Amino acid sequence: MTYVVTDNCIKCKYMDCVEVCPVDCFYEGENMLVIHPDECIDCGVCEPECPAEAIKPDTEPGLEKWLQINTEYAEKWPNITVKKEPPADAKSFDGVEGKFEKYFSPEPGEGD
């Protein structure tokens, strides 16, 4: 098992999860984070820290797409270990449907 970041992170990117991860397995895209599944130790400490409730165990049904996305972009995006400020409009995107299709960016973030 591993944890994955799902679509509600897109354009929210709160980053509370980054501070609590004991193995620094988060990677930063332009408008979302992903978890490297081979680095995640399945401790679960990040899941309750996400205000957008975007982090889920990959054992939940229907998350195969998100495991693939997290795996792919964790290899391409820079590692992030320090919490930054979320986007100013993050709250307005929390819970919006269809964010992957509308807003996902394959571009990397800054990392740290």
N, C-alpha and C. Protein backbone atom coordinates (compact mmCIF):
# COMPACT_ATOMS: atom_id res chain seq x y z
N MET A 1 0.83 -1.19 0.00
CA MET A 1 0.00 0.00 0.00
C MET A 1 0.87 1.25 0.00
N THR A 2 0.33 2.30 -0.57
CA THR A 2 0.95 3.62 -0.52
C THR A 2 -0.18 4.64 -0.47
N TYR A 3 0.17 5.87 -0.24
CA TYR A 3 -0.81 6.94 -0.32
C TYR A 3 -0.62 7.68 -1.63
N VAL A 4 -1.70 8.25 -2.14
CA VAL A 4 -1.65 9.01 -3.38
C VAL A 4 -2.35 10.35 -3.19
N VAL A 5 -1.90 11.33 -3.95
CA VAL A 5 -2.55 12.63 -3.97
C VAL A 5 -3.54 12.61 -5.14
N THR A 6 -4.76 13.05 -4.87
CA THR A 6 -5.81 13.01 -5.89
C THR A 6 -6.15 14.41 -6.39
N ASP A 7 -7.16 14.49 -7.24
CA ASP A 7 -7.44 15.73 -7.97
C ASP A 7 -7.82 16.92 -7.11
N ASN A 8 -8.30 16.73 -5.90
CA ASN A 8 -8.68 17.92 -5.13
C ASN A 8 -7.46 18.75 -4.72
N CYS A 9 -6.26 18.22 -4.85
CA CYS A 9 -5.05 19.01 -4.57
C CYS A 9 -4.82 20.06 -5.66
N ILE A 10 -5.29 19.77 -6.87
CA ILE A 10 -5.05 20.67 -7.99
C ILE A 10 -5.60 22.06 -7.69
N LYS A 11 -4.73 23.04 -7.81
CA LYS A 11 -5.02 24.45 -7.57
C LYS A 11 -5.33 24.77 -6.10
N CYS A 12 -5.21 23.77 -5.21
CA CYS A 12 -5.33 24.04 -3.76
C CYS A 12 -3.92 24.02 -3.16
N LYS A 13 -3.24 22.89 -3.32
CA LYS A 13 -1.81 22.76 -2.97
C LYS A 13 -1.47 23.42 -1.63
N TYR A 14 -2.15 22.96 -0.58
CA TYR A 14 -1.95 23.55 0.75
C TYR A 14 -0.57 23.24 1.35
N MET A 15 -0.04 22.08 1.12
CA MET A 15 1.32 21.67 1.54
C MET A 15 1.49 21.38 3.02
N ASP A 16 0.42 21.29 3.79
CA ASP A 16 0.55 20.89 5.19
C ASP A 16 1.17 19.49 5.28
N CYS A 17 0.88 18.65 4.31
CA CYS A 17 1.37 17.28 4.26
C CYS A 17 2.89 17.21 4.19
N VAL A 18 3.48 18.14 3.49
CA VAL A 18 4.92 18.15 3.26
C VAL A 18 5.70 18.22 4.59
N GLU A 19 5.20 19.04 5.50
CA GLU A 19 5.90 19.24 6.77
C GLU A 19 5.92 18.01 7.66
N VAL A 20 4.91 17.15 7.55
CA VAL A 20 4.80 16.01 8.47
C VAL A 20 5.37 14.71 7.91
N CYS A 21 5.69 14.69 6.63
CA CYS A 21 6.19 13.46 6.02
C CYS A 21 7.59 13.12 6.54
N PRO A 22 7.73 11.94 7.18
CA PRO A 22 9.04 11.58 7.74
C PRO A 22 10.08 11.15 6.71
N VAL A 23 9.64 10.85 5.48
CA VAL A 23 10.58 10.38 4.46
C VAL A 23 10.67 11.30 3.24
N ASP A 24 10.07 12.48 3.31
CA ASP A 24 10.18 13.47 2.24
C ASP A 24 9.84 12.91 0.86
N CYS A 25 8.66 12.29 0.75
CA CYS A 25 8.29 11.65 -0.51
C CYS A 25 7.32 12.47 -1.35
N PHE A 26 7.20 13.78 -1.07
CA PHE A 26 6.32 14.64 -1.87
C PHE A 26 7.12 15.36 -2.95
N TYR A 27 6.47 15.50 -4.10
CA TYR A 27 7.09 16.16 -5.25
C TYR A 27 6.12 17.22 -5.74
N GLU A 28 6.68 18.36 -6.19
CA GLU A 28 5.87 19.53 -6.48
C GLU A 28 5.71 19.81 -7.97
N GLY A 29 4.46 19.84 -8.39
CA GLY A 29 4.11 20.31 -9.72
C GLY A 29 3.70 21.77 -9.65
N GLU A 30 3.43 22.33 -10.79
CA GLU A 30 3.04 23.73 -10.86
C GLU A 30 1.81 24.02 -10.00
N ASN A 31 0.81 23.10 -10.01
CA ASN A 31 -0.39 23.39 -9.24
C ASN A 31 -0.92 22.23 -8.40
N MET A 32 -0.07 21.24 -8.14
CA MET A 32 -0.43 20.15 -7.22
C MET A 32 0.82 19.43 -6.76
N LEU A 33 0.65 18.58 -5.77
CA LEU A 33 1.73 17.74 -5.28
C LEU A 33 1.43 16.28 -5.63
N VAL A 34 2.46 15.45 -5.63
CA VAL A 34 2.29 14.00 -5.76
C VAL A 34 3.18 13.32 -4.74
N ILE A 35 2.87 12.05 -4.47
CA ILE A 35 3.66 11.22 -3.56
C ILE A 35 4.38 10.17 -4.39
N HIS A 36 5.66 9.98 -4.11
CA HIS A 36 6.41 8.92 -4.79
C HIS A 36 6.04 7.60 -4.10
N PRO A 37 5.35 6.69 -4.79
CA PRO A 37 4.87 5.48 -4.14
C PRO A 37 5.97 4.54 -3.64
N ASP A 38 7.14 4.58 -4.26
CA ASP A 38 8.23 3.72 -3.81
C ASP A 38 8.96 4.28 -2.59
N GLU A 39 8.74 5.56 -2.31
CA GLU A 39 9.38 6.19 -1.15
C GLU A 39 8.45 6.27 0.06
N CYS A 40 7.14 6.26 -0.20
CA CYS A 40 6.14 6.36 0.86
C CYS A 40 6.23 5.12 1.75
N ILE A 41 6.25 5.33 3.06
CA ILE A 41 6.33 4.20 4.00
C ILE A 41 4.95 3.84 4.58
N ASP A 42 3.90 4.40 4.01
CA ASP A 42 2.54 4.06 4.39
C ASP A 42 2.21 4.38 5.84
N CYS A 43 2.83 5.41 6.38
CA CYS A 43 2.59 5.74 7.79
C CYS A 43 1.24 6.43 7.98
N GLY A 44 0.74 7.11 6.94
CA GLY A 44 -0.56 7.74 7.00
C GLY A 44 -0.62 9.07 7.69
N VAL A 45 0.52 9.59 8.14
CA VAL A 45 0.51 10.85 8.89
C VAL A 45 0.09 12.04 8.02
N CYS A 46 0.29 11.95 6.72
CA CYS A 46 -0.06 13.06 5.83
C CYS A 46 -1.56 13.17 5.56
N GLU A 47 -2.26 12.05 5.56
CA GLU A 47 -3.67 12.04 5.16
C GLU A 47 -4.54 13.01 5.97
N PRO A 48 -4.49 12.99 7.31
CA PRO A 48 -5.35 13.92 8.06
C PRO A 48 -4.87 15.37 8.02
N GLU A 49 -3.65 15.60 7.56
CA GLU A 49 -3.11 16.97 7.51
C GLU A 49 -3.61 17.75 6.30
N CYS A 50 -4.15 17.08 5.31
CA CYS A 50 -4.57 17.74 4.07
C CYS A 50 -5.93 18.40 4.25
N PRO A 51 -5.98 19.74 4.24
CA PRO A 51 -7.26 20.43 4.39
C PRO A 51 -8.25 20.13 3.26
N ALA A 52 -7.73 19.79 2.09
CA ALA A 52 -8.57 19.50 0.93
C ALA A 52 -8.98 18.03 0.87
N GLU A 53 -8.50 17.23 1.80
CA GLU A 53 -8.78 15.78 1.84
C GLU A 53 -8.44 15.12 0.50
N ALA A 54 -7.30 15.50 -0.06
CA ALA A 54 -6.87 15.00 -1.37
C ALA A 54 -5.95 13.79 -1.27
N ILE A 55 -5.53 13.41 -0.07
CA ILE A 55 -4.61 12.28 0.09
C ILE A 55 -5.40 11.06 0.53
N LYS A 56 -5.23 9.97 -0.23
CA LYS A 56 -5.99 8.75 0.02
C LYS A 56 -5.06 7.54 -0.04
N PRO A 57 -5.40 6.46 0.69
CA PRO A 57 -4.63 5.22 0.53
C PRO A 57 -4.99 4.61 -0.83
N ASP A 58 -4.01 4.04 -1.51
CA ASP A 58 -4.27 3.50 -2.84
C ASP A 58 -5.12 2.23 -2.81
N THR A 59 -5.48 1.79 -1.63
CA THR A 59 -6.35 0.62 -1.50
C THR A 59 -7.83 0.99 -1.68
N GLU A 60 -8.14 2.29 -1.69
CA GLU A 60 -9.52 2.70 -1.95
C GLU A 60 -9.86 2.44 -3.42
N PRO A 61 -11.08 2.00 -3.70
CA PRO A 61 -11.46 1.70 -5.08
C PRO A 61 -11.38 2.94 -5.98
N GLY A 62 -10.97 2.72 -7.23
CA GLY A 62 -10.99 3.78 -8.23
C GLY A 62 -9.79 4.71 -8.23
N LEU A 63 -8.74 4.37 -7.50
CA LEU A 63 -7.58 5.27 -7.42
C LEU A 63 -6.41 4.82 -8.30
N GLU A 64 -6.63 3.86 -9.18
CA GLU A 64 -5.55 3.36 -10.04
C GLU A 64 -4.97 4.48 -10.89
N LYS A 65 -5.84 5.33 -11.43
CA LYS A 65 -5.39 6.47 -12.24
C LYS A 65 -4.46 7.36 -11.43
N TRP A 66 -4.80 7.59 -10.17
CA TRP A 66 -4.01 8.49 -9.33
C TRP A 66 -2.69 7.87 -8.92
N LEU A 67 -2.65 6.56 -8.77
CA LEU A 67 -1.38 5.88 -8.49
C LEU A 67 -0.46 6.06 -9.69
N GLN A 68 -1.00 5.92 -10.89
CA GLN A 68 -0.20 6.10 -12.11
C GLN A 68 0.31 7.54 -12.22
N ILE A 69 -0.56 8.52 -11.97
CA ILE A 69 -0.17 9.93 -12.06
C ILE A 69 0.89 10.26 -11.02
N ASN A 70 0.71 9.80 -9.78
CA ASN A 70 1.69 10.06 -8.74
C ASN A 70 3.03 9.43 -9.09
N THR A 71 3.01 8.21 -9.60
CA THR A 71 4.25 7.52 -9.98
C THR A 71 4.98 8.27 -11.10
N GLU A 72 4.24 8.65 -12.13
CA GLU A 72 4.84 9.32 -13.28
C GLU A 72 5.45 10.67 -12.90
N TYR A 73 4.70 11.50 -12.20
CA TYR A 73 5.18 12.86 -11.94
C TYR A 73 6.15 12.95 -10.77
N ALA A 74 6.16 11.98 -9.89
CA ALA A 74 7.18 11.96 -8.83
C ALA A 74 8.57 11.78 -9.44
N GLU A 75 8.62 11.16 -10.61
CA GLU A 75 9.89 10.98 -11.31
C GLU A 75 10.32 12.23 -12.07
N LYS A 76 9.37 13.11 -12.37
CA LYS A 76 9.66 14.29 -13.21
C LYS A 76 9.76 15.59 -12.43
N TRP A 77 9.04 15.68 -11.31
CA TRP A 77 8.97 16.93 -10.57
C TRP A 77 9.98 16.97 -9.43
N PRO A 78 10.35 18.18 -8.96
CA PRO A 78 11.32 18.29 -7.86
C PRO A 78 10.71 17.93 -6.50
N ASN A 79 11.57 17.42 -5.64
CA ASN A 79 11.19 17.08 -4.27
C ASN A 79 10.88 18.36 -3.49
N ILE A 80 9.91 18.27 -2.60
CA ILE A 80 9.58 19.40 -1.73
C ILE A 80 9.47 18.89 -0.30
N THR A 81 10.15 19.57 0.60
CA THR A 81 10.19 19.16 2.00
C THR A 81 9.78 20.27 2.95
N VAL A 82 9.59 21.48 2.43
CA VAL A 82 9.26 22.64 3.25
C VAL A 82 7.93 23.22 2.78
N LYS A 83 7.03 23.44 3.72
CA LYS A 83 5.73 24.02 3.39
C LYS A 83 5.88 25.45 2.90
N LYS A 84 5.15 25.75 1.84
CA LYS A 84 5.09 27.11 1.29
C LYS A 84 3.66 27.60 1.42
N GLU A 85 3.44 28.85 1.05
CA GLU A 85 2.09 29.40 1.08
C GLU A 85 1.26 28.77 -0.05
N PRO A 86 0.02 28.43 0.24
CA PRO A 86 -0.84 27.91 -0.83
C PRO A 86 -1.24 29.04 -1.77
N PRO A 87 -1.77 28.71 -2.92
CA PRO A 87 -2.26 29.77 -3.82
C PRO A 87 -3.31 30.63 -3.12
N ALA A 88 -3.35 31.89 -3.45
CA ALA A 88 -4.29 32.82 -2.81
C ALA A 88 -5.74 32.42 -3.04
N ASP A 89 -6.02 31.76 -4.16
CA ASP A 89 -7.40 31.36 -4.47
C ASP A 89 -7.68 29.89 -4.17
N ALA A 90 -6.85 29.26 -3.34
CA ALA A 90 -6.98 27.83 -3.05
C ALA A 90 -8.36 27.44 -2.55
N LYS A 91 -8.90 28.21 -1.63
CA LYS A 91 -10.20 27.85 -1.06
C LYS A 91 -11.31 27.85 -2.10
N SER A 92 -11.22 28.69 -3.09
CA SER A 92 -12.27 28.74 -4.11
C SER A 92 -12.23 27.52 -5.02
N PHE A 93 -11.12 26.77 -5.05
CA PHE A 93 -11.02 25.57 -5.87
C PHE A 93 -11.25 24.28 -5.08
N ASP A 94 -11.32 24.37 -3.76
CA ASP A 94 -11.52 23.19 -2.92
C ASP A 94 -12.89 22.58 -3.21
N GLY A 95 -12.89 21.33 -3.65
CA GLY A 95 -14.14 20.63 -3.91
C GLY A 95 -14.70 20.78 -5.31
N VAL A 96 -14.05 21.55 -6.15
CA VAL A 96 -14.51 21.73 -7.53
C VAL A 96 -14.38 20.40 -8.28
N GLU A 97 -15.40 20.04 -9.00
CA GLU A 97 -15.39 18.79 -9.78
C GLU A 97 -14.58 18.95 -11.08
N GLY A 98 -14.00 17.85 -11.55
CA GLY A 98 -13.33 17.84 -12.84
C GLY A 98 -12.05 18.66 -12.92
N LYS A 99 -11.36 18.81 -11.80
CA LYS A 99 -10.17 19.66 -11.80
C LYS A 99 -9.04 19.09 -12.65
N PHE A 100 -8.90 17.78 -12.72
CA PHE A 100 -7.81 17.22 -13.52
C PHE A 100 -7.98 17.62 -14.99
N GLU A 101 -9.16 17.42 -15.51
CA GLU A 101 -9.41 17.73 -16.92
C GLU A 101 -9.31 19.23 -17.20
N LYS A 102 -9.72 20.05 -16.25
CA LYS A 102 -9.75 21.50 -16.46
C LYS A 102 -8.43 22.20 -16.16
N TYR A 103 -7.73 21.75 -15.11
CA TYR A 103 -6.63 22.57 -14.58
C TYR A 103 -5.27 21.88 -14.42
N PHE A 104 -5.20 20.56 -14.55
CA PHE A 104 -3.92 19.89 -14.30
C PHE A 104 -2.82 20.45 -15.19
N SER A 105 -1.66 20.67 -14.61
CA SER A 105 -0.49 21.11 -15.37
C SER A 105 0.63 20.09 -15.19
N PRO A 106 1.22 19.61 -16.28
CA PRO A 106 2.35 18.68 -16.17
C PRO A 106 3.67 19.40 -15.85
N GLU A 107 3.62 20.71 -15.76
CA GLU A 107 4.84 21.48 -15.51
C GLU A 107 5.30 21.30 -14.06
N PRO A 108 6.61 21.29 -13.84
CA PRO A 108 7.12 21.14 -12.47
C PRO A 108 6.96 22.41 -11.65
N GLY A 109 6.93 22.23 -10.34
CA GLY A 109 6.96 23.36 -9.42
C GLY A 109 8.40 23.73 -9.14
N GLU A 110 8.61 24.52 -8.10
CA GLU A 110 9.96 24.99 -7.76
C GLU A 110 10.73 24.00 -6.90
N GLY A 111 10.02 23.18 -6.12
CA GLY A 111 10.71 22.31 -5.17
C GLY A 111 11.37 23.17 -4.10
N ASP A 112 12.36 22.58 -3.41
CA ASP A 112 13.09 23.40 -2.43
C ASP A 112 14.57 23.09 -2.41
